[in-house]
C-alpha atoms as a PDB file:
ATOM      1  CA  UNK A   1       0.000   0.000   0.000  1.00  0.00           C
ATOM      2  CA  UNK A   2       1.398   3.441  -0.997  1.00  0.00           C
ATOM      3  CA  UNK A   3       0.658   5.021   2.409  1.00  0.00           C
ATOM      4  CA  UNK A   4       2.417   2.303   4.372  1.00  0.00           C
ATOM      5  CA  UNK A   5       5.995   2.950   5.462  1.00  0.00           C
ATOM      6  CA  UNK A   6       8.356   0.243   4.258  1.00  0.00           C
ATOM      7  CA  UNK A   7      11.640  -0.776   5.828  1.00  0.00           C
ATOM      8  CA  UNK A   8      14.627  -1.228   3.521  1.00  0.00           C
ATOM      9  CA  UNK A   9      17.690  -2.914   5.005  1.00  0.00           C
ATOM     10  CA  UNK A  10      21.001  -2.954   3.156  1.00  0.00           C
ATOM     11  CA  UNK A  11      23.529  -5.601   4.124  1.00  0.00           C
ATOM     12  CA  UNK A  12      27.191  -4.609   4.523  1.00  0.00           C
ATOM     13  CA  UNK A  13      30.154  -6.961   4.790  1.00  0.00           C
ATOM     14  CA  UNK A  14      33.931  -6.598   4.341  1.00  0.00           C
ATOM     15  CA  UNK A  15      34.839  -5.621   0.759  1.00  0.00           C
ATOM     16  CA  UNK A  16      31.248  -5.122  -0.344  1.00  0.00           C
ATOM     17  CA  UNK A  17      31.065  -2.811  -3.373  1.00  0.00           C
ATOM     18  CA  UNK A  18      30.371   0.679  -2.065  1.00  0.00           C
ATOM     19  CA  UNK A  19      28.207   1.742  -5.019  1.00  0.00           C
ATOM     20  CA  UNK A  20      26.079  -1.414  -4.674  1.00  0.00           C
ATOM     21  CA  UNK A  21      25.091  -0.054  -1.271  1.00  0.00           C
ATOM     22  CA  UNK A  22      25.110   3.689  -1.953  1.00  0.00           C
ATOM     23  CA  UNK A  23      23.111   3.502  -5.215  1.00  0.00           C
ATOM     24  CA  UNK A  24      20.007   1.760  -3.813  1.00  0.00           C
ATOM     25  CA  UNK A  25      20.259   3.774  -0.595  1.00  0.00           C
ATOM     26  CA  UNK A  26      20.145   7.012  -2.613  1.00  0.00           C
ATOM     27  CA  UNK A  27      17.117   5.863  -4.634  1.00  0.00           C
ATOM     28  CA  UNK A  28      15.014   5.250  -1.526  1.00  0.00           C
ATOM     29  CA  UNK A  29      16.351   8.319   0.274  1.00  0.00           C
ATOM     30  CA  UNK A  30      15.489  10.486  -2.754  1.00  0.00           C
ATOM     31  CA  UNK A  31      12.061   8.826  -2.858  1.00  0.00           C
ATOM     32  CA  UNK A  32      11.389  10.101   0.669  1.00  0.00           C
ATOM     33  CA  UNK A  33      12.257  13.604  -0.517  1.00  0.00           C
ATOM     34  CA  UNK A  34      10.154  13.412  -3.686  1.00  0.00           C
ATOM     35  CA  UNK A  35       7.149  11.877  -1.916  1.00  0.00           C
ATOM     36  CA  UNK A  36       7.477  14.430   0.912  1.00  0.00           C
ATOM     37  CA  UNK A  37       7.111  11.749   3.553  1.00  0.00           C
ATOM     38  CA  UNK A  38       9.096   8.973   5.212  1.00  0.00           C
ATOM     39  CA  UNK A  39       7.936   6.327   2.745  1.00  0.00           C
ATOM     40  CA  UNK A  40      11.041   4.227   3.392  1.00  0.00           C
ATOM     41  CA  UNK A  41      12.845   3.601   6.658  1.00  0.00           C
ATOM     42  CA  UNK A  42      16.419   2.805   5.672  1.00  0.00           C
ATOM     43  CA  UNK A  43      18.768   0.634   7.732  1.00  0.00           C
ATOM     44  CA  UNK A  44      22.326  -0.501   7.182  1.00  0.00           C
ATOM     45  CA  UNK A  45      23.184  -3.781   8.879  1.00  0.00           C
ATOM     46  CA  UNK A  46      26.144  -6.109   9.215  1.00  0.00           C
ATOM     47  CA  UNK A  47      26.643  -9.418  10.963  1.00  0.00           C
ATOM     48  CA  UNK A  48      27.765  -7.774  14.221  1.00  0.00           C
ATOM     49  CA  UNK A  49      26.847  -4.119  13.598  1.00  0.00           C
ATOM     50  CA  UNK A  50      29.354  -1.284  13.794  1.00  0.00           C
ATOM     51  CA  UNK A  51      31.885  -0.273  11.138  1.00  0.00           C
ATOM     52  CA  UNK A  52      32.460  -2.296   7.954  1.00  0.00           C
ATOM     53  CA  UNK A  53      35.208  -1.549   5.427  1.00  0.00           C
ATOM     54  CA  UNK A  54      33.994  -1.566   1.791  1.00  0.00           C
ATOM     55  CA  UNK A  55      36.012  -2.380  -1.327  1.00  0.00           C
ATOM     56  CA  UNK A  56      37.071   1.276  -1.580  1.00  0.00           C
ATOM     57  CA  UNK A  57      38.619   1.325   1.888  1.00  0.00           C
ATOM     58  CA  UNK A  58      35.823   3.610   3.096  1.00  0.00           C
ATOM     59  CA  UNK A  59      34.126   2.401   6.262  1.00  0.00           C
ATOM     60  CA  UNK A  60      30.354   2.373   6.690  1.00  0.00           C
ATOM     61  CA  UNK A  61      28.827   2.581  10.157  1.00  0.00           C
ATOM     62  CA  UNK A  62      25.956   0.092  10.443  1.00  0.00           C
ATOM     63  CA  UNK A  63      23.095   0.988  12.755  1.00  0.00           C
ATOM     64  CA  UNK A  64      22.103  -2.614  13.480  1.00  0.00           C
ATOM     65  CA  UNK A  65      23.281  -6.213  13.370  1.00  0.00           C
ATOM     66  CA  UNK A  66      21.554  -9.196  11.751  1.00  0.00           C
ATOM     67  CA  UNK A  67      19.596  -9.969  14.919  1.00  0.00           C
ATOM     68  CA  UNK A  68      18.210  -6.448  15.075  1.00  0.00           C
ATOM     69  CA  UNK A  69      16.670  -6.418  11.592  1.00  0.00           C
ATOM     70  CA  UNK A  70      12.888  -6.203  11.721  1.00  0.00           C
ATOM     71  CA  UNK A  71      10.763  -8.669   9.705  1.00  0.00           C
ATOM     72  CA  UNK A  72       8.432  -7.918   6.774  1.00  0.00           C
ATOM     73  CA  UNK A  73      10.755  -5.432   5.087  1.00  0.00           C
ATOM     74  CA  UNK A  74      12.974  -5.424   2.008  1.00  0.00           C
ATOM     75  CA  UNK A  75      16.473  -6.878   2.249  1.00  0.00           C
ATOM     76  CA  UNK A  76      19.119  -5.689  -0.224  1.00  0.00           C
ATOM     77  CA  UNK A  77      22.290  -7.779  -0.596  1.00  0.00           C
ATOM     78  CA  UNK A  78      25.159  -6.079  -2.490  1.00  0.00           C
ATOM     79  CA  UNK A  79      27.970  -7.670  -4.454  1.00  0.00           C
ATOM     80  CA  UNK A  80      31.677  -7.007  -4.391  1.00  0.00           C
ATOM     81  CA  UNK A  81      35.103  -8.630  -4.033  1.00  0.00           C
ATOM     82  CA  UNK A  82      34.125  -9.884  -0.558  1.00  0.00           C
ATOM     83  CA  UNK A  83      31.394 -12.185  -1.882  1.00  0.00           C
ATOM     84  CA  UNK A  84      33.646 -15.243  -2.207  1.00  0.00           C
ATOM     85  CA  UNK A  85      34.741 -14.960   1.420  1.00  0.00           C
ATOM     86  CA  UNK A  86      31.333 -14.445   3.009  1.00  0.00           C
ATOM     87  CA  UNK A  87      29.694 -17.394   1.249  1.00  0.00           C
ATOM     88  CA  UNK A  88      32.327 -19.589   2.930  1.00  0.00           C
ATOM     89  CA  UNK A  89      31.619 -18.015   6.340  1.00  0.00           C
ATOM     90  CA  UNK A  90      29.140 -20.382   8.015  1.00  0.00           C
ATOM     91  CA  UNK A  91      28.150 -17.897  10.722  1.00  0.00           C
ATOM     92  CA  UNK A  92      27.463 -15.132   8.186  1.00  0.00           C
ATOM     93  CA  UNK A  93      25.433 -17.460   5.960  1.00  0.00           C
ATOM     94  CA  UNK A  94      23.383 -18.866   8.834  1.00  0.00           C
ATOM     95  CA  UNK A  95      22.627 -15.324  10.000  1.00  0.00           C
ATOM     96  CA  UNK A  96      21.580 -13.961   6.618  1.00  0.00           C
ATOM     97  CA  UNK A  97      19.424 -17.022   5.870  1.00  0.00           C
ATOM     98  CA  UNK A  98      17.646 -16.584   9.185  1.00  0.00           C
ATOM     99  CA  UNK A  99      17.160 -12.870   8.571  1.00  0.00           C
ATOM    100  CA  UNK A 100      15.940 -13.300   4.974  1.00  0.00           C
ATOM    101  CA  UNK A 101      13.320 -15.867   5.964  1.00  0.00           C
ATOM    102  CA  UNK A 102      11.019 -13.157   7.316  1.00  0.00           C
ATOM    103  CA  UNK A 103      11.528 -10.435   4.703  1.00  0.00           C
ATOM    104  CA  UNK A 104       8.877  -9.314   2.222  1.00  0.00           C
ATOM    105  CA  UNK A 105      11.247  -8.839  -0.711  1.00  0.00           C
ATOM    106  CA  UNK A 106      14.825 -10.020  -1.160  1.00  0.00           C
ATOM    107  CA  UNK A 107      16.915  -7.977  -3.595  1.00  0.00           C
ATOM    108  CA  UNK A 108      20.488  -8.445  -4.773  1.00  0.00           C
ATOM    109  CA  UNK A 109      22.715  -6.092  -6.714  1.00  0.00           C
ATOM    110  CA  UNK A 110      25.584  -7.177  -8.938  1.00  0.00           C
ATOM    111  CA  UNK A 111      27.344 -10.307  -7.613  1.00  0.00           C
ATOM    112  CA  UNK A 112      25.159 -10.224  -4.503  1.00  0.00           C
ATOM    113  CA  UNK A 113      23.061 -12.852  -6.291  1.00  0.00           C
ATOM    114  CA  UNK A 114      25.914 -15.277  -5.568  1.00  0.00           C
ATOM    115  CA  UNK A 115      25.114 -14.870  -1.874  1.00  0.00           C
ATOM    116  CA  UNK A 116      21.425 -15.525  -2.576  1.00  0.00           C
ATOM    117  CA  UNK A 117      22.393 -18.615  -4.598  1.00  0.00           C
ATOM    118  CA  UNK A 118      24.612 -19.860  -1.753  1.00  0.00           C
ATOM    119  CA  UNK A 119      21.641 -19.388   0.590  1.00  0.00           C
ATOM    120  CA  UNK A 120      19.661 -21.779  -1.605  1.00  0.00           C
ATOM    121  CA  UNK A 121      16.814 -19.350  -2.241  1.00  0.00           C
ATOM    122  CA  UNK A 122      17.533 -19.033  -5.973  1.00  0.00           C
ATOM    123  CA  UNK A 123      17.106 -22.755  -6.698  1.00  0.00           C
ATOM    124  CA  UNK A 124      14.631 -23.068  -9.554  1.00  0.00           C
ATOM    125  CA  UNK A 125      14.401 -19.281  -9.815  1.00  0.00           C
ATOM    126  CA  UNK A 126      15.229 -16.865 -12.627  1.00  0.00           C
ATOM    127  CA  UNK A 127      18.246 -14.724 -11.727  1.00  0.00           C
ATOM    128  CA  UNK A 128      21.045 -12.635 -13.168  1.00  0.00           C
ATOM    129  CA  UNK A 129      24.522 -11.601 -12.021  1.00  0.00           C
ATOM    130  CA  UNK A 130      27.445  -9.482 -13.175  1.00  0.00           C
ATOM    131  CA  UNK A 131      28.681 -10.750 -16.552  1.00  0.00           C
ATOM    132  CA  UNK A 132      32.221 -11.359 -15.231  1.00  0.00           C
ATOM    133  CA  UNK A 133      30.870 -14.012 -12.842  1.00  0.00           C
ATOM    134  CA  UNK A 134      29.101 -15.997 -15.570  1.00  0.00           C
ATOM    135  CA  UNK A 135      31.337 -19.054 -15.600  1.00  0.00           C
ATOM    136  CA  UNK A 136      31.495 -19.147 -11.798  1.00  0.00           C
ATOM    137  CA  UNK A 137      27.758 -19.072 -11.176  1.00  0.00           C
ATOM    138  CA  UNK A 138      26.839 -21.504 -13.939  1.00  0.00           C
ATOM    139  CA  UNK A 139      29.322 -24.086 -12.669  1.00  0.00           C
ATOM    140  CA  UNK A 140      28.726 -23.624  -8.932  1.00  0.00           C
ATOM    141  CA  UNK A 141      24.966 -23.033  -8.787  1.00  0.00           C
ATOM    142  CA  UNK A 142      23.475 -25.326 -11.402  1.00  0.00           C
ATOM    143  CA  UNK A 143      19.939 -25.283  -9.944  1.00  0.00           C
ATOM    144  CA  UNK A 144      19.526 -21.570 -10.670  1.00  0.00           C
ATOM    145  CA  UNK A 145      17.955 -20.424 -13.948  1.00  0.00           C
ATOM    146  CA  UNK A 146      20.665 -17.886 -14.824  1.00  0.00           C
ATOM    147  CA  UNK A 147      19.863 -15.319 -17.518  1.00  0.00           C
ATOM    148  CA  UNK A 148      23.020 -13.237 -17.637  1.00  0.00           C
ATOM    149  CA  UNK A 149      21.908 -11.124 -20.571  1.00  0.00           C
ATOM    150  CA  UNK A 150      19.222  -9.373 -18.507  1.00  0.00           C
ATOM    151  CA  UNK A 151      19.984  -6.329 -16.371  1.00  0.00           C
ATOM    152  CA  UNK A 152      17.548  -7.393 -13.663  1.00  0.00           C
ATOM    153  CA  UNK A 153      15.025 -10.113 -12.910  1.00  0.00           C
ATOM    154  CA  UNK A 154      12.057 -10.741 -10.664  1.00  0.00           C
ATOM    155  CA  UNK A 155      10.841 -14.199  -9.679  1.00  0.00           C
ATOM    156  CA  UNK A 156       8.214 -14.062  -6.963  1.00  0.00           C
ATOM    157  CA  UNK A 157       9.571 -11.957  -4.110  1.00  0.00           C
ATOM    158  CA  UNK A 158      13.194 -12.317  -5.208  1.00  0.00           C
ATOM    159  CA  UNK A 159      14.842  -9.639  -7.360  1.00  0.00           C
ATOM    160  CA  UNK A 160      18.365  -9.716  -8.815  1.00  0.00           C
ATOM    161  CA  UNK A 161      20.340  -7.178 -10.852  1.00  0.00           C
ATOM    162  CA  UNK A 162      23.302  -7.663 -13.151  1.00  0.00           C
ATOM    163  CA  UNK A 163      25.791  -4.947 -12.327  1.00  0.00           C
ATOM    164  CA  UNK A 164      26.664  -1.876 -10.344  1.00  0.00           C
ATOM    165  CA  UNK A 165      24.468   0.735 -12.035  1.00  0.00           C
ATOM    166  CA  UNK A 166      21.678  -1.741 -12.770  1.00  0.00           C
ATOM    167  CA  UNK A 167      21.033  -1.994  -9.026  1.00  0.00           C
ATOM    168  CA  UNK A 168      19.744   1.567  -9.346  1.00  0.00           C
ATOM    169  CA  UNK A 169      17.513   0.541 -12.261  1.00  0.00           C
ATOM    170  CA  UNK A 170      16.134  -2.319 -10.195  1.00  0.00           C
ATOM    171  CA  UNK A 171      15.437  -0.118  -7.178  1.00  0.00           C
ATOM    172  CA  UNK A 172      13.689   2.413  -9.418  1.00  0.00           C
ATOM    173  CA  UNK A 173      11.440  -0.407 -10.628  1.00  0.00           C
ATOM    174  CA  UNK A 174      10.743  -1.397  -6.999  1.00  0.00           C
ATOM    175  CA  UNK A 175       9.864   2.229  -6.261  1.00  0.00           C
ATOM    176  CA  UNK A 176       7.516   2.246  -9.268  1.00  0.00           C
ATOM    177  CA  UNK A 177       5.914  -0.935  -7.945  1.00  0.00           C
ATOM    178  CA  UNK A 178       5.315   0.721  -4.549  1.00  0.00           C
ATOM    179  CA  UNK A 179       4.439   4.308  -5.478  1.00  0.00           C
ATOM    180  CA  UNK A 180       3.795   4.462  -9.221  1.00  0.00           C
ATOM    181  CA  UNK A 181       5.648   5.500 -12.343  1.00  0.00           C
ATOM    182  CA  UNK A 182       5.551   9.224 -11.645  1.00  0.00           C
ATOM    183  CA  UNK A 183       7.433   8.789  -8.373  1.00  0.00           C
ATOM    184  CA  UNK A 184      10.096   6.664 -10.079  1.00  0.00           C
ATOM    185  CA  UNK A 185      10.417   9.186 -12.905  1.00  0.00           C
ATOM    186  CA  UNK A 186      10.844  12.073 -10.470  1.00  0.00           C
ATOM    187  CA  UNK A 187      13.590  10.198  -8.609  1.00  0.00           C
ATOM    188  CA  UNK A 188      15.302   9.422 -11.939  1.00  0.00           C
ATOM    189  CA  UNK A 189      15.213  13.139 -12.738  1.00  0.00           C
ATOM    190  CA  UNK A 190      16.472  14.020  -9.268  1.00  0.00           C
ATOM    191  CA  UNK A 191      19.475  11.745  -9.845  1.00  0.00           C
ATOM    192  CA  UNK A 192      19.894  13.018 -13.447  1.00  0.00           C
ATOM    193  CA  UNK A 193      19.255   9.603 -14.961  1.00  0.00           C
ATOM    194  CA  UNK A 194      17.267   8.412 -17.918  1.00  0.00           C
ATOM    195  CA  UNK A 195      14.083   6.722 -16.772  1.00  0.00           C
ATOM    196  CA  UNK A 196      14.944   3.233 -15.592  1.00  0.00           C
ATOM    197  CA  UNK A 197      15.723   0.494 -18.071  1.00  0.00           C
ATOM    198  CA  UNK A 198      13.497  -2.575 -18.179  1.00  0.00           C
ATOM    199  CA  UNK A 199      14.904  -5.817 -16.862  1.00  0.00           C
ATOM    200  CA  UNK A 200      14.994  -7.564 -20.227  1.00  0.00           C
ATOM    201  CA  UNK A 201      17.555  -5.144 -21.669  1.00  0.00           C
ATOM    202  CA  UNK A 202      21.025  -6.550 -22.231  1.00  0.00           C
ATOM    203  CA  UNK A 203      23.556  -5.754 -19.511  1.00  0.00           C
ATOM    204  CA  UNK A 204      26.331  -5.051 -21.986  1.00  0.00           C
ATOM    205  CA  UNK A 205      26.662  -3.553 -25.458  1.00  0.00           C
ATOM    206  CA  UNK A 206      28.424  -5.098 -28.443  1.00  0.00           C
ATOM    207  CA  UNK A 207      31.558  -2.904 -28.213  1.00  0.00           C
ATOM    208  CA  UNK A 208      31.944  -4.179 -24.636  1.00  0.00           C
ATOM    209  CA  UNK A 209      31.469  -7.769 -25.757  1.00  0.00           C
ATOM    210  CA  UNK A 210      34.255  -7.320 -28.291  1.00  0.00           C
ATOM    211  CA  UNK A 211      36.600  -5.792 -25.743  1.00  0.00           C
ATOM    212  CA  UNK A 212      36.086  -8.709 -23.369  1.00  0.00           C
ATOM    213  CA  UNK A 213      36.261 -11.427 -26.035  1.00  0.00           C
ATOM    214  CA  UNK A 214      39.619 -13.069 -26.752  1.00  0.00           C
ATOM    215  CA  UNK A 215      41.617 -11.773 -29.710  1.00  0.00           C
ATOM    216  CA  UNK A 216      40.154 -13.475 -32.758  1.00  0.00           C
ATOM    217  CA  UNK A 217      40.040 -13.507 -36.533  1.00  0.00           C
ATOM    218  CA  UNK A 218      36.626 -11.823 -36.597  1.00  0.00           C
ATOM    219  CA  UNK A 219      37.577  -8.739 -34.569  1.00  0.00           C
ATOM    220  CA  UNK A 220      38.229  -6.518 -37.607  1.00  0.00           C
ATOM    221  CA  UNK A 221      35.005  -7.678 -39.269  1.00  0.00           C
ATOM    222  CA  UNK A 222      32.982  -6.962 -36.137  1.00  0.00           C
ATOM    223  CA  UNK A 223      34.443  -3.467 -35.920  1.00  0.00           C
ATOM    224  CA  UNK A 224      33.410  -2.857 -39.528  1.00  0.00           C
ATOM    225  CA  UNK A 225      29.833  -3.952 -38.789  1.00  0.00           C
ATOM    226  CA  UNK A 226      29.658  -1.677 -35.752  1.00  0.00           C
ATOM    227  CA  UNK A 227      30.992   1.316 -37.685  1.00  0.00           C
ATOM    228  CA  UNK A 228      28.624   0.802 -40.643  1.00  0.00           C
ATOM    229  CA  UNK A 229      25.446  -1.062 -39.560  1.00  0.00           C
ATOM    230  CA  UNK A 230      23.460   0.209 -42.588  1.00  0.00           C
ATOM    231  CA  UNK A 231      25.631  -1.739 -45.004  1.00  0.00           C
ATOM    232  CA  UNK A 232      24.148  -4.911 -46.522  1.00  0.00           C
ATOM    233  CA  UNK A 233      25.907  -7.487 -44.373  1.00  0.00           C
ATOM    234  CA  UNK A 234      25.256 -10.742 -46.239  1.00  0.00           C
ATOM    235  CA  UNK A 235      26.970 -13.848 -44.918  1.00  0.00           C
ATOM    236  CA  UNK A 236      28.861 -14.295 -48.185  1.00  0.00           C
ATOM    237  CA  UNK A 237      30.226 -10.740 -47.963  1.00  0.00           C
ATOM    238  CA  UNK A 238      31.233 -11.188 -44.320  1.00  0.00           C
ATOM    239  CA  UNK A 239      32.971 -14.474 -45.137  1.00  0.00           C
ATOM    240  CA  UNK A 240      34.932 -12.837 -47.934  1.00  0.00           C
ATOM    241  CA  UNK A 241      36.059  -9.970 -45.676  1.00  0.00           C
ATOM    242  CA  UNK A 242      37.146 -12.410 -42.969  1.00  0.00           C
ATOM    243  CA  UNK A 243      38.770 -14.669 -45.599  1.00  0.00           C
ATOM    244  CA  UNK A 244      37.052 -17.828 -44.406  1.00  0.00           C
ATOM    245  CA  UNK A 245      34.167 -20.073 -45.381  1.00  0.00           C
ATOM    246  CA  UNK A 246      30.634 -19.343 -44.145  1.00  0.00           C
ATOM    247  CA  UNK A 247      30.774 -22.393 -41.899  1.00  0.00           C
ATOM    248  CA  UNK A 248      34.095 -21.335 -40.351  1.00  0.00           C
ATOM    249  CA  UNK A 249      32.782 -17.792 -39.888  1.00  0.00           C
ATOM    250  CA  UNK A 250      29.745 -19.113 -38.043  1.00  0.00           C
ATOM    251  CA  UNK A 251      31.967 -21.257 -35.809  1.00  0.00           C
ATOM    252  CA  UNK A 252      34.152 -18.272 -34.852  1.00  0.00           C
ATOM    253  CA  UNK A 253      31.148 -16.084 -34.004  1.00  0.00           C
ATOM    254  CA  UNK A 254      29.579 -18.739 -31.803  1.00  0.00           C
ATOM    255  CA  UNK A 255      32.900 -19.451 -30.061  1.00  0.00           C
ATOM    256  CA  UNK A 256      33.846 -15.791 -29.476  1.00  0.00           C
ATOM    257  CA  UNK A 257      30.508 -14.005 -29.113  1.00  0.00           C
ATOM    258  CA  UNK A 258      28.030 -16.816 -28.391  1.00  0.00           C
ATOM    259  CA  UNK A 259      25.851 -15.886 -31.385  1.00  0.00           C
ATOM    260  CA  UNK A 260      25.663 -16.351 -35.132  1.00  0.00           C
ATOM    261  CA  UNK A 261      26.880 -13.691 -37.602  1.00  0.00           C
ATOM    262  CA  UNK A 262      23.297 -12.712 -38.473  1.00  0.00           C
ATOM    263  CA  UNK A 263      22.370 -12.408 -34.786  1.00  0.00           C
ATOM    264  CA  UNK A 264      25.399 -10.189 -34.233  1.00  0.00           C
ATOM    265  CA  UNK A 265      24.448  -7.902 -37.125  1.00  0.00           C
ATOM    266  CA  UNK A 266      20.864  -7.591 -35.880  1.00  0.00           C
ATOM    267  CA  UNK A 267      21.998  -6.757 -32.353  1.00  0.00           C
ATOM    268  CA  UNK A 268      24.465  -4.144 -33.594  1.00  0.00           C
ATOM    269  CA  UNK A 269      21.711  -2.561 -35.658  1.00  0.00           C
ATOM    270  CA  UNK A 270      19.380  -2.633 -32.668  1.00  0.00           C
ATOM    271  CA  UNK A 271      22.020  -0.969 -30.478  1.00  0.00           C
ATOM    272  CA  UNK A 272      22.500   1.702 -33.152  1.00  0.00           C
ATOM    273  CA  UNK A 273      18.751   2.344 -33.381  1.00  0.00           C
ATOM    274  CA  UNK A 274      18.469   2.517 -29.589  1.00  0.00           C
ATOM    275  CA  UNK A 275      21.337   5.012 -29.442  1.00  0.00           C
ATOM    276  CA  UNK A 276      19.611   7.220 -32.005  1.00  0.00           C
ATOM    277  CA  UNK A 277      16.359   7.145 -30.038  1.00  0.00           C
ATOM    278  CA  UNK A 278      18.227   7.776 -26.775  1.00  0.00           C
ATOM    279  CA  UNK A 279      19.823  10.802 -28.448  1.00  0.00           C
ATOM    280  CA  UNK A 280      16.470  12.327 -29.326  1.00  0.00           C
ATOM    281  CA  UNK A 281      15.923  11.208 -32.941  1.00  0.00           C
ATOM    282  CA  UNK A 282      12.196  10.821 -33.647  1.00  0.00           C
ATOM    283  CA  UNK A 283      11.910   9.926 -37.355  1.00  0.00           C
ATOM    284  CA  UNK A 284      11.493   6.141 -37.299  1.00  0.00           C
ATOM    285  CA  UNK A 285      11.892   5.817 -41.074  1.00  0.00           C
ATOM    286  CA  UNK A 286      15.289   7.524 -40.911  1.00  0.00           C
ATOM    287  CA  UNK A 287      16.326   5.505 -37.841  1.00  0.00           C
ATOM    288  CA  UNK A 288      15.423   2.287 -39.687  1.00  0.00           C
ATOM    289  CA  UNK A 289      17.467   3.324 -42.716  1.00  0.00           C
ATOM    290  CA  UNK A 290      20.587   4.458 -40.853  1.00  0.00           C
ATOM    291  CA  UNK A 291      20.660   1.456 -38.536  1.00  0.00           C
ATOM    292  CA  UNK A 292      20.323  -1.036 -41.389  1.00  0.00           C
ATOM    293  CA  UNK A 293      16.777  -2.290 -40.844  1.00  0.00           C
ATOM    294  CA  UNK A 294      15.668  -0.680 -44.129  1.00  0.00           C
ATOM    295  CA  UNK A 295      11.965  -0.414 -43.179  1.00  0.00           C
ATOM    296  CA  UNK A 296       9.991   0.682 -40.131  1.00  0.00           C
ATOM    297  CA  UNK A 297       8.329  -2.741 -40.080  1.00  0.00           C
ATOM    298  CA  UNK A 298      11.705  -4.489 -39.737  1.00  0.00           C
ATOM    299  CA  UNK A 299      12.718  -2.007 -37.044  1.00  0.00           C
ATOM    300  CA  UNK A 300       9.525  -2.640 -35.090  1.00  0.00           C
ATOM    301  CA  UNK A 301       9.885  -6.411 -35.429  1.00  0.00           C
ATOM    302  CA  UNK A 302      13.448  -6.306 -34.047  1.00  0.00           C
ATOM    303  CA  UNK A 303      12.498  -4.092 -31.084  1.00  0.00           C
ATOM    304  CA  UNK A 304       9.529  -6.234 -30.073  1.00  0.00           C
ATOM    305  CA  UNK A 305      11.492  -9.467 -30.546  1.00  0.00           C
ATOM    306  CA  UNK A 306      14.487  -8.388 -28.421  1.00  0.00           C
ATOM    307  CA  UNK A 307      13.118  -5.758 -26.020  1.00  0.00           C
ATOM    308  CA  UNK A 308       9.394  -6.578 -25.860  1.00  0.00           C
ATOM    309  CA  UNK A 309       8.772  -2.916 -26.726  1.00  0.00           C
ATOM    310  CA  UNK A 310       7.962  -1.143 -29.979  1.00  0.00           C
ATOM    311  CA  UNK A 311      10.337   1.685 -31.010  1.00  0.00           C
ATOM    312  CA  UNK A 312       7.716   4.246 -30.005  1.00  0.00           C
ATOM    313  CA  UNK A 313       7.222   2.612 -26.585  1.00  0.00           C
ATOM    314  CA  UNK A 314      11.001   2.495 -26.158  1.00  0.00           C
ATOM    315  CA  UNK A 315      11.247   6.220 -26.933  1.00  0.00           C
ATOM    316  CA  UNK A 316       8.581   7.019 -24.332  1.00  0.00           C
ATOM    317  CA  UNK A 317      10.479   5.071 -21.667  1.00  0.00           C
ATOM    318  CA  UNK A 318      14.100   5.811 -22.478  1.00  0.00           C
ATOM    319  CA  UNK A 319      14.271   8.765 -24.855  1.00  0.00           C
ATOM    320  CA  UNK A 320      15.854  12.021 -23.741  1.00  0.00           C
ATOM    321  CA  UNK A 321      13.876  13.874 -21.065  1.00  0.00           C
ATOM    322  CA  UNK A 322      13.799  17.585 -20.282  1.00  0.00           C
ATOM    323  CA  UNK A 323      15.224  18.151 -16.831  1.00  0.00           C
ATOM    324  CA  UNK A 324      13.755  20.861 -14.598  1.00  0.00           C
ATOM    325  CA  UNK A 325      15.863  24.042 -14.300  1.00  0.00           C
END
């Protein structure tokens, strides 16, 4: 209920990522300001209370310990370099499992979903995590339905987000769930953000995928596609540029980027179209032409297929907004 005060408790532990804590805290603190009431009571807890040193070396002073956390609130578990240590700490894990049992919503940011997985509460659930932890979580927590291409997920009362900034996106969506879209939009404006991204958006762009992929024979070709998405990128042309057969080209794309050449081209074009819309372009026919989709129908089909939004709906959610002066 919108008029009911909710308690949000953020968990701190040694080497937790500072922004994973500060980002969500700021969203709910700004919500109190925007809503002109104490809509959220915010707590910072640790296993024993007191000061906790984050990954930055900055200490946070917790106002309660695990035992002092009240039930029926929202529990936010951050990620960070300290995750691997705390999941091996039996006392910490027993305490957080006991505390989480009585919470209304359980939310993780970044690699905090590893802690939730170690607690056993993600078994059979949809979840995401920071892309750099992909191999680790898939091998260690096989009962979890990992979707690492999403920026955040919700499965029942459990929410997970992919990375540092996406924890803010997730908390904005929680705020929208509690107090409506206008409240979330006002907080996004307060923090000088675009309105929050939906959970089914990819957590990384294609240039980032290329930077993190091993050096390969398709790197130059991929750079050409990214720099000129409107070009007619037929498989035969791409094979000739890469100086390999179509079958070998397909094998390299799947090995290096986990997708076929045609899927890569479509995603690059979609990223280009999204960037144009984000930048304020409104002519869908021109966006379709410059991004390589040729027609508005093809553009619409790609947006709905990958983002579950039409280009117009995407523009309404994520296009440039006019900030108050």
